[in-house]
Amino acid sequence: MGKIYAKNIKCRLYSLNSIKLNTKKFINFYDHYEIKSNEKRFLITSFKNSPHFKSLNTKNFEKYQRYIELSNQKDHSLEQFNLLLKNFDESMLEEFKIELKEIEFRNKKFYLIIDGLHRVSIYFYLTKRNYLPTKYIKII
């Protein structure tokens, strides 16, 4: 069984003026903005910097709630996130695989989460592992 290490898994976060993502503490060498229509639309960063993962680690979901409201993600809610956390079973990832896209940035290979940021965050939070088995992944 293969694995992808957590340090190589990235996510896209909405970057709106009202969502402060560009602090020096937050950005590192491998983070960058995806620019569309001359706007910094998305920050590509480690999933560990996401409001999803940080909320789990701090057990404070205020930033997650604010993020989904400001990014206008009508298909997500704090209630759904908590329900997924409560009912999470690692084996479900074999059926509902994490969709990743292989990308290369600054001569290094990463995997960008296309679908499954909530599941990735919960998986790493609960298992405390530093890798994601490839049986839970679909490369698109």
Protein backbone atom coordinates (compact mmCIF):
# COMPACT_ATOMS: atom_id res chain seq x y z
CA MET A 1 0.00 0.00 0.00
CA GLY A 2 1.32 3.41 -0.97
CA LYS A 3 0.92 6.63 0.93
CA ILE A 4 0.94 10.38 0.48
CA TYR A 5 2.46 12.37 3.32
CA ALA A 6 0.44 15.12 4.97
CA LYS A 7 3.14 17.71 4.28
CA ASN A 8 2.48 17.26 0.54
CA ILE A 9 -1.29 17.71 0.68
CA LYS A 10 -2.56 21.19 -0.20
CA CYS A 11 -5.97 22.81 -0.34
CA ARG A 12 -7.51 25.84 -2.01
CA LEU A 13 -9.05 28.41 0.30
CA TYR A 14 -11.22 31.29 -0.83
CA SER A 15 -9.31 34.51 -0.46
CA LEU A 16 -11.71 37.38 0.05
CA ASN A 17 -10.89 40.82 1.40
CA SER A 18 -12.93 39.98 4.47
CA ILE A 19 -11.03 36.72 5.07
CA LYS A 20 -7.54 37.53 6.28
CA LEU A 21 -5.31 34.76 4.93
CA ASN A 22 -2.19 36.66 4.02
CA THR A 23 -0.46 37.16 7.36
CA LYS A 24 3.28 36.43 7.50
CA LYS A 25 2.58 33.76 10.10
CA PHE A 26 0.26 31.98 7.66
CA ILE A 27 2.12 32.18 4.34
CA ASN A 28 5.26 30.16 3.69
CA PHE A 29 7.51 29.51 0.70
CA TYR A 30 5.25 26.91 -0.90
CA ASP A 31 2.00 28.86 -0.48
CA HIS A 32 0.75 30.97 -3.34
CA TYR A 33 -2.30 32.75 -4.64
CA GLU A 34 -4.23 31.56 -7.65
CA ILE A 35 -5.12 34.70 -9.56
CA LYS A 36 -8.28 34.90 -11.67
CA SER A 37 -9.58 38.05 -13.34
CA ASN A 38 -6.72 40.04 -11.76
CA GLU A 39 -7.88 39.05 -8.25
CA LYS A 40 -6.25 36.84 -5.68
CA ARG A 41 -9.13 34.36 -5.62
CA PHE A 42 -7.66 31.33 -3.85
CA LEU A 43 -4.78 30.67 -1.51
CA ILE A 44 -3.15 27.29 -2.06
CA THR A 45 -1.66 26.13 1.22
CA SER A 46 -1.31 23.12 3.50
CA PHE A 47 -4.63 21.64 4.59
CA LYS A 48 -3.30 22.12 8.13
CA ASN A 49 -3.72 25.87 7.62
CA SER A 50 -7.39 25.49 6.72
CA PRO A 51 -10.15 26.64 9.07
CA HIS A 52 -11.40 23.05 8.86
CA PHE A 53 -8.30 21.44 10.38
CA LYS A 54 -7.52 24.30 12.75
CA SER A 55 -11.05 24.22 14.17
CA LEU A 56 -10.69 20.53 14.97
CA ASN A 57 -7.33 21.04 16.67
CA THR A 58 -8.48 23.98 18.78
CA LYS A 59 -12.04 22.66 19.30
CA ASN A 60 -13.19 26.17 18.39
CA PHE A 61 -15.34 26.31 15.27
CA GLU A 62 -15.90 30.08 15.09
CA LYS A 63 -13.36 30.60 12.29
CA TYR A 64 -14.75 27.67 10.33
CA GLN A 65 -18.28 29.04 10.67
CA ARG A 66 -17.13 32.50 9.60
CA TYR A 67 -15.17 31.09 6.68
CA ILE A 68 -18.10 29.14 5.21
CA GLU A 69 -20.37 32.15 5.64
CA LEU A 70 -17.96 34.61 4.00
CA SER A 71 -17.09 32.19 1.19
CA ASN A 72 -20.81 31.61 0.60
CA GLN A 73 -20.56 27.82 0.71
CA LYS A 74 -24.22 26.96 0.92
CA ASP A 75 -23.54 23.22 0.68
CA HIS A 76 -21.57 23.25 3.97
CA SER A 77 -22.55 23.97 7.55
CA LEU A 78 -21.14 23.57 11.02
CA GLU A 79 -23.87 21.05 11.77
CA GLN A 80 -22.89 18.90 8.77
CA PHE A 81 -19.20 19.12 9.73
CA ASN A 82 -19.93 18.03 13.31
CA LEU A 83 -22.14 15.18 12.05
CA LEU A 84 -19.35 13.98 9.74
CA LEU A 85 -16.91 14.14 12.65
CA LYS A 86 -19.24 12.26 14.99
CA ASN A 87 -19.97 9.50 12.46
CA PHE A 88 -16.52 9.31 10.89
CA ASP A 89 -15.26 5.83 10.17
CA GLU A 90 -11.95 5.50 8.36
CA SER A 91 -13.31 2.68 6.21
CA MET A 92 -15.79 5.11 4.60
CA LEU A 93 -12.83 6.63 2.75
CA GLU A 94 -12.60 3.49 0.63
CA GLU A 95 -16.01 4.31 -0.84
CA PHE A 96 -15.88 8.12 -0.62
CA LYS A 97 -12.31 8.66 -1.77
CA ILE A 98 -10.40 11.91 -1.39
CA GLU A 99 -10.00 13.46 -4.84
CA LEU A 100 -6.51 14.85 -5.38
CA LYS A 101 -4.79 16.45 -8.33
CA GLU A 102 -1.04 15.99 -8.65
CA ILE A 103 0.68 19.35 -9.09
CA GLU A 104 4.27 20.48 -9.30
CA PHE A 105 5.25 23.81 -7.79
CA ARG A 106 8.77 25.16 -7.38
CA ASN A 107 10.20 21.81 -8.47
CA LYS A 108 8.35 19.86 -5.81
CA LYS A 109 5.38 17.47 -6.15
CA PHE A 110 2.21 18.21 -4.18
CA TYR A 111 -1.35 16.94 -4.13
CA LEU A 112 -4.16 19.48 -4.30
CA ILE A 113 -7.46 18.48 -2.69
CA ILE A 114 -10.22 18.75 -5.28
CA ASP A 115 -12.88 17.13 -3.09
CA GLY A 116 -12.57 15.99 0.52
CA LEU A 117 -11.05 18.76 2.66
CA HIS A 118 -13.45 17.99 5.53
CA ARG A 119 -12.66 14.26 5.33
CA VAL A 120 -8.88 14.87 5.11
CA SER A 121 -9.01 17.20 8.11
CA ILE A 122 -11.02 14.74 10.19
CA TYR A 123 -8.86 11.78 9.11
CA PHE A 124 -5.59 13.45 10.19
CA TYR A 125 -7.15 14.89 13.34
CA LEU A 126 -8.49 11.53 14.54
CA THR A 127 -5.71 9.20 13.40
CA LYS A 128 -2.73 11.43 14.24
CA ARG A 129 -0.94 9.84 11.27
CA ASN A 130 1.39 11.76 9.00
CA TYR A 131 0.24 10.06 5.80
CA LEU A 132 -2.88 9.19 3.84
CA PRO A 133 -2.99 5.66 2.38
CA THR A 134 -3.46 5.63 -1.39
CA LYS A 135 -6.43 3.26 -1.04
CA TYR A 136 -8.37 6.33 0.19
CA ILE A 137 -7.32 8.51 -2.76
CA LYS A 138 -8.50 9.07 -6.28
CA ILE A 139 -6.04 11.01 -8.46
CA ILE A 140 -7.90 13.04 -11.06
